[in-house]
Amino acid sequence: MNYQPAEKSIADVQADLVKRFTHFDNWKDRYKYLIDMGKVLQKMPDEYKTEDNRIHGCQSQVWIHIEEKDGVLYMEAMSDAAIVSGLIALLLKIYNGRTPKEIKEAPLDFLADIGLLQHLSANRSTGLYHMIKRIQSEASARL
């Protein structure tokens, strides 16, 4: 696991993501960018692929492992699906290397600004919701 605190503020990371996604004129290109983001996720060690780390409510297999070090939460996650891997990579850009307080206070409007919520299938939206909920509940438990 990479124990590097986030360098940019959540607002800056979100603004950067909105800029990157809205650079593309169509959703085919935005999905390709999302999939490319997922391809650079670090390989998750098998010992983290446990039932406790599995996100329930996702159609595909998704695992997220969260550790706390010096009051900061660090995450590794993976999925067996390309677009879901991209969604995970997107969430890790926002939440990884943050304090529980930062995670709990992070606004989620950037997802609408990207247009993601309007273009995900119902199953993927539900999966995204469950991933965010898991990260936020882990943060709440540590406050």
C-alpha atoms as a PDB file:
ATOM      1  CA  MET A   1       0.000   0.000   0.000  1.00  0.00           C
ATOM      2  CA  ASN A   2       1.201   3.494  -0.847  1.00  0.00           C
ATOM      3  CA  TYR A   3       1.163   5.633   2.312  1.00  0.00           C
ATOM      4  CA  GLN A   4       1.341   9.069   0.709  1.00  0.00           C
ATOM      5  CA  PRO A   5      -1.038  11.757   2.007  1.00  0.00           C
ATOM      6  CA  ALA A   6      -2.946  13.565  -0.727  1.00  0.00           C
ATOM      7  CA  GLU A   7      -1.081  16.598  -2.053  1.00  0.00           C
ATOM      8  CA  LYS A   8      -4.009  18.572  -3.501  1.00  0.00           C
ATOM      9  CA  SER A   9      -7.222  19.563  -1.779  1.00  0.00           C
ATOM     10  CA  ILE A  10     -10.350  17.562  -2.550  1.00  0.00           C
ATOM     11  CA  ALA A  11     -11.837  20.639  -4.273  1.00  0.00           C
ATOM     12  CA  ASP A  12      -8.770  20.912  -6.543  1.00  0.00           C
ATOM     13  CA  VAL A  13      -8.851  17.202  -7.416  1.00  0.00           C
ATOM     14  CA  GLN A  14     -12.562  17.370  -8.179  1.00  0.00           C
ATOM     15  CA  ALA A  15     -12.150  20.494 -10.329  1.00  0.00           C
ATOM     16  CA  ASP A  16      -9.334  18.773 -12.230  1.00  0.00           C
ATOM     17  CA  LEU A  17     -11.494  15.685 -12.842  1.00  0.00           C
ATOM     18  CA  VAL A  18     -14.404  17.808 -14.073  1.00  0.00           C
ATOM     19  CA  LYS A  19     -12.029  19.633 -16.438  1.00  0.00           C
ATOM     20  CA  ARG A  20     -10.562  16.365 -17.754  1.00  0.00           C
ATOM     21  CA  PHE A  21     -13.941  14.708 -18.330  1.00  0.00           C
ATOM     22  CA  THR A  22     -15.652  17.728 -19.873  1.00  0.00           C
ATOM     23  CA  HIS A  23     -12.698  18.086 -22.255  1.00  0.00           C
ATOM     24  CA  PHE A  24     -14.241  15.186 -24.178  1.00  0.00           C
ATOM     25  CA  ASP A  25     -17.196  16.078 -26.381  1.00  0.00           C
ATOM     26  CA  ASN A  26     -18.953  12.722 -26.241  1.00  0.00           C
ATOM     27  CA  TRP A  27     -19.621   9.961 -23.764  1.00  0.00           C
ATOM     28  CA  LYS A  28     -17.817   7.316 -25.760  1.00  0.00           C
ATOM     29  CA  ASP A  29     -14.558   9.215 -25.159  1.00  0.00           C
ATOM     30  CA  ARG A  30     -15.423   9.900 -21.510  1.00  0.00           C
ATOM     31  CA  TYR A  31     -16.029   6.186 -20.926  1.00  0.00           C
ATOM     32  CA  LYS A  32     -12.737   5.371 -22.627  1.00  0.00           C
ATOM     33  CA  TYR A  33     -10.984   7.842 -20.304  1.00  0.00           C
ATOM     34  CA  LEU A  34     -12.730   6.288 -17.278  1.00  0.00           C
ATOM     35  CA  ILE A  35     -11.661   2.785 -18.378  1.00  0.00           C
ATOM     36  CA  ASP A  36      -8.083   4.015 -18.891  1.00  0.00           C
ATOM     37  CA  MET A  37      -8.122   5.394 -15.328  1.00  0.00           C
ATOM     38  CA  GLY A  38      -9.092   1.948 -14.059  1.00  0.00           C
ATOM     39  CA  LYS A  39      -6.241   0.283 -15.948  1.00  0.00           C
ATOM     40  CA  VAL A  40      -3.644   2.042 -13.783  1.00  0.00           C
ATOM     41  CA  LEU A  41      -5.035   0.762 -10.460  1.00  0.00           C
ATOM     42  CA  GLN A  42      -2.401  -1.108  -8.498  1.00  0.00           C
ATOM     43  CA  LYS A  43      -2.940  -4.855  -8.366  1.00  0.00           C
ATOM     44  CA  MET A  44      -4.643  -5.700  -5.094  1.00  0.00           C
ATOM     45  CA  PRO A  45      -3.020  -8.466  -3.049  1.00  0.00           C
ATOM     46  CA  ASP A  46      -5.194 -11.595  -2.823  1.00  0.00           C
ATOM     47  CA  GLU A  47      -5.259 -11.442   0.986  1.00  0.00           C
ATOM     48  CA  TYR A  48      -7.352  -8.238   0.713  1.00  0.00           C
ATOM     49  CA  LYS A  49      -9.974  -9.913  -1.485  1.00  0.00           C
ATOM     50  CA  THR A  50     -12.041 -11.020   1.501  1.00  0.00           C
ATOM     51  CA  GLU A  51     -15.762 -11.089   2.114  1.00  0.00           C
ATOM     52  CA  ASP A  52     -15.342  -8.210   4.609  1.00  0.00           C
ATOM     53  CA  ASN A  53     -13.678  -6.066   1.928  1.00  0.00           C
ATOM     54  CA  ARG A  54     -16.214  -6.932  -0.776  1.00  0.00           C
ATOM     55  CA  ILE A  55     -18.711  -4.221  -1.688  1.00  0.00           C
ATOM     56  CA  HIS A  56     -22.197  -5.683  -1.637  1.00  0.00           C
ATOM     57  CA  GLY A  57     -24.756  -4.114  -3.932  1.00  0.00           C
ATOM     58  CA  CYS A  58     -22.424  -4.053  -6.935  1.00  0.00           C
ATOM     59  CA  GLN A  59     -23.219  -6.215  -9.924  1.00  0.00           C
ATOM     60  CA  SER A  60     -19.526  -6.897 -10.519  1.00  0.00           C
ATOM     61  CA  GLN A  61     -16.954  -8.082  -7.998  1.00  0.00           C
ATOM     62  CA  VAL A  62     -15.524  -5.107  -6.081  1.00  0.00           C
ATOM     63  CA  TRP A  63     -13.161  -5.119  -3.123  1.00  0.00           C
ATOM     64  CA  ILE A  64     -11.866  -2.180  -1.121  1.00  0.00           C
ATOM     65  CA  HIS A  65      -9.259  -2.399   1.616  1.00  0.00           C
ATOM     66  CA  ILE A  66      -8.842   0.614   3.906  1.00  0.00           C
ATOM     67  CA  GLU A  67      -6.067   1.135   6.438  1.00  0.00           C
ATOM     68  CA  GLU A  68      -5.493   4.027   8.800  1.00  0.00           C
ATOM     69  CA  LYS A  69      -2.005   5.330   9.435  1.00  0.00           C
ATOM     70  CA  ASP A  70      -1.311   8.458  11.496  1.00  0.00           C
ATOM     71  CA  GLY A  71      -4.944   9.584  11.239  1.00  0.00           C
ATOM     72  CA  VAL A  72      -5.052   9.271   7.442  1.00  0.00           C
ATOM     73  CA  LEU A  73      -6.992   6.640   5.466  1.00  0.00           C
ATOM     74  CA  TYR A  74      -5.257   4.740   2.671  1.00  0.00           C
ATOM     75  CA  MET A  75      -7.144   2.570   0.218  1.00  0.00           C
ATOM     76  CA  GLU A  76      -6.628  -0.136  -2.317  1.00  0.00           C
ATOM     77  CA  ALA A  77      -9.483  -1.360  -4.449  1.00  0.00           C
ATOM     78  CA  MET A  78     -10.199  -3.400  -7.535  1.00  0.00           C
ATOM     79  CA  SER A  79     -12.991  -4.778  -9.661  1.00  0.00           C
ATOM     80  CA  ASP A  80     -13.346  -7.431 -12.321  1.00  0.00           C
ATOM     81  CA  ALA A  81     -15.147  -4.947 -14.606  1.00  0.00           C
ATOM     82  CA  ALA A  82     -13.456  -2.227 -16.689  1.00  0.00           C
ATOM     83  CA  ILE A  83     -15.871   0.666 -16.126  1.00  0.00           C
ATOM     84  CA  VAL A  84     -16.231  -0.155 -12.427  1.00  0.00           C
ATOM     85  CA  SER A  85     -12.427  -0.174 -12.117  1.00  0.00           C
ATOM     86  CA  GLY A  86     -12.511   3.336 -13.582  1.00  0.00           C
ATOM     87  CA  LEU A  87     -15.115   4.410 -11.027  1.00  0.00           C
ATOM     88  CA  ILE A  88     -12.901   3.019  -8.264  1.00  0.00           C
ATOM     89  CA  ALA A  89      -9.884   4.913  -9.629  1.00  0.00           C
ATOM     90  CA  LEU A  90     -11.999   8.085  -9.679  1.00  0.00           C
ATOM     91  CA  LEU A  91     -13.026   7.610  -6.027  1.00  0.00           C
ATOM     92  CA  LEU A  92      -9.472   6.831  -4.934  1.00  0.00           C
ATOM     93  CA  LYS A  93      -8.295  10.101  -6.514  1.00  0.00           C
ATOM     94  CA  ILE A  94     -10.776  11.891  -4.239  1.00  0.00           C
ATOM     95  CA  TYR A  95     -10.582   9.881  -1.017  1.00  0.00           C
ATOM     96  CA  ASN A  96      -7.202   8.126  -0.784  1.00  0.00           C
ATOM     97  CA  GLY A  97      -4.686   9.715   1.598  1.00  0.00           C
ATOM     98  CA  ARG A  98      -7.327  11.827   3.386  1.00  0.00           C
ATOM     99  CA  THR A  99      -8.387  12.195   6.990  1.00  0.00           C
ATOM    100  CA  PRO A 100     -11.772  10.771   8.021  1.00  0.00           C
ATOM    101  CA  LYS A 101     -13.045  14.349   8.502  1.00  0.00           C
ATOM    102  CA  GLU A 102     -12.051  15.322   4.925  1.00  0.00           C
ATOM    103  CA  ILE A 103     -13.787  12.229   3.566  1.00  0.00           C
ATOM    104  CA  LYS A 104     -17.004  12.888   5.473  1.00  0.00           C
ATOM    105  CA  GLU A 105     -17.099  16.555   4.396  1.00  0.00           C
ATOM    106  CA  ALA A 106     -16.238  15.986   0.720  1.00  0.00           C
ATOM    107  CA  PRO A 107     -19.074  17.190  -1.543  1.00  0.00           C
ATOM    108  CA  LEU A 108     -20.147  14.842  -4.331  1.00  0.00           C
ATOM    109  CA  ASP A 109     -21.539  17.380  -6.824  1.00  0.00           C
ATOM    110  CA  PHE A 110     -18.520  16.832  -9.088  1.00  0.00           C
ATOM    111  CA  LEU A 111     -20.157  13.524 -10.161  1.00  0.00           C
ATOM    112  CA  ALA A 112     -23.091  15.486 -11.603  1.00  0.00           C
ATOM    113  CA  ASP A 113     -20.732  18.121 -13.053  1.00  0.00           C
ATOM    114  CA  ILE A 114     -18.915  15.374 -14.962  1.00  0.00           C
ATOM    115  CA  GLY A 115     -22.290  14.065 -16.127  1.00  0.00           C
ATOM    116  CA  LEU A 116     -21.502  10.650 -14.727  1.00  0.00           C
ATOM    117  CA  LEU A 117     -24.712  10.147 -12.773  1.00  0.00           C
ATOM    118  CA  GLN A 118     -26.849  10.761 -15.851  1.00  0.00           C
ATOM    119  CA  HIS A 119     -24.853   8.325 -18.011  1.00  0.00           C
ATOM    120  CA  LEU A 120     -24.305   5.334 -15.741  1.00  0.00           C
ATOM    121  CA  SER A 121     -26.670   2.389 -15.870  1.00  0.00           C
ATOM    122  CA  ALA A 122     -28.875   1.912 -12.809  1.00  0.00           C
ATOM    123  CA  ASN A 123     -26.726  -1.024 -11.660  1.00  0.00           C
ATOM    124  CA  ARG A 124     -23.484   0.947 -11.965  1.00  0.00           C
ATOM    125  CA  SER A 125     -25.010   3.954 -10.172  1.00  0.00           C
ATOM    126  CA  THR A 126     -26.060   1.645  -7.342  1.00  0.00           C
ATOM    127  CA  GLY A 127     -22.562   0.151  -7.223  1.00  0.00           C
ATOM    128  CA  LEU A 128     -20.982   3.614  -7.142  1.00  0.00           C
ATOM    129  CA  TYR A 129     -23.333   4.601  -4.315  1.00  0.00           C
ATOM    130  CA  HIS A 130     -22.311   1.491  -2.312  1.00  0.00           C
ATOM    131  CA  MET A 131     -18.594   2.190  -2.858  1.00  0.00           C
ATOM    132  CA  ILE A 132     -18.980   5.793  -1.639  1.00  0.00           C
ATOM    133  CA  LYS A 133     -21.131   4.633   1.284  1.00  0.00           C
ATOM    134  CA  ARG A 134     -18.464   2.094   2.347  1.00  0.00           C
ATOM    135  CA  ILE A 135     -15.667   4.678   2.227  1.00  0.00           C
ATOM    136  CA  GLN A 136     -17.755   7.216   4.158  1.00  0.00           C
ATOM    137  CA  SER A 137     -18.829   4.680   6.768  1.00  0.00           C
ATOM    138  CA  GLU A 138     -15.188   3.623   7.309  1.00  0.00           C
ATOM    139  CA  ALA A 139     -14.333   7.312   7.769  1.00  0.00           C
ATOM    140  CA  SER A 140     -17.247   7.826  10.202  1.00  0.00           C
ATOM    141  CA  ALA A 141     -16.155   4.847  12.277  1.00  0.00           C
ATOM    142  CA  ARG A 142     -12.767   6.512  12.751  1.00  0.00           C
ATOM    143  CA  LEU A 143     -14.009   9.975  13.718  1.00  0.00           C
END
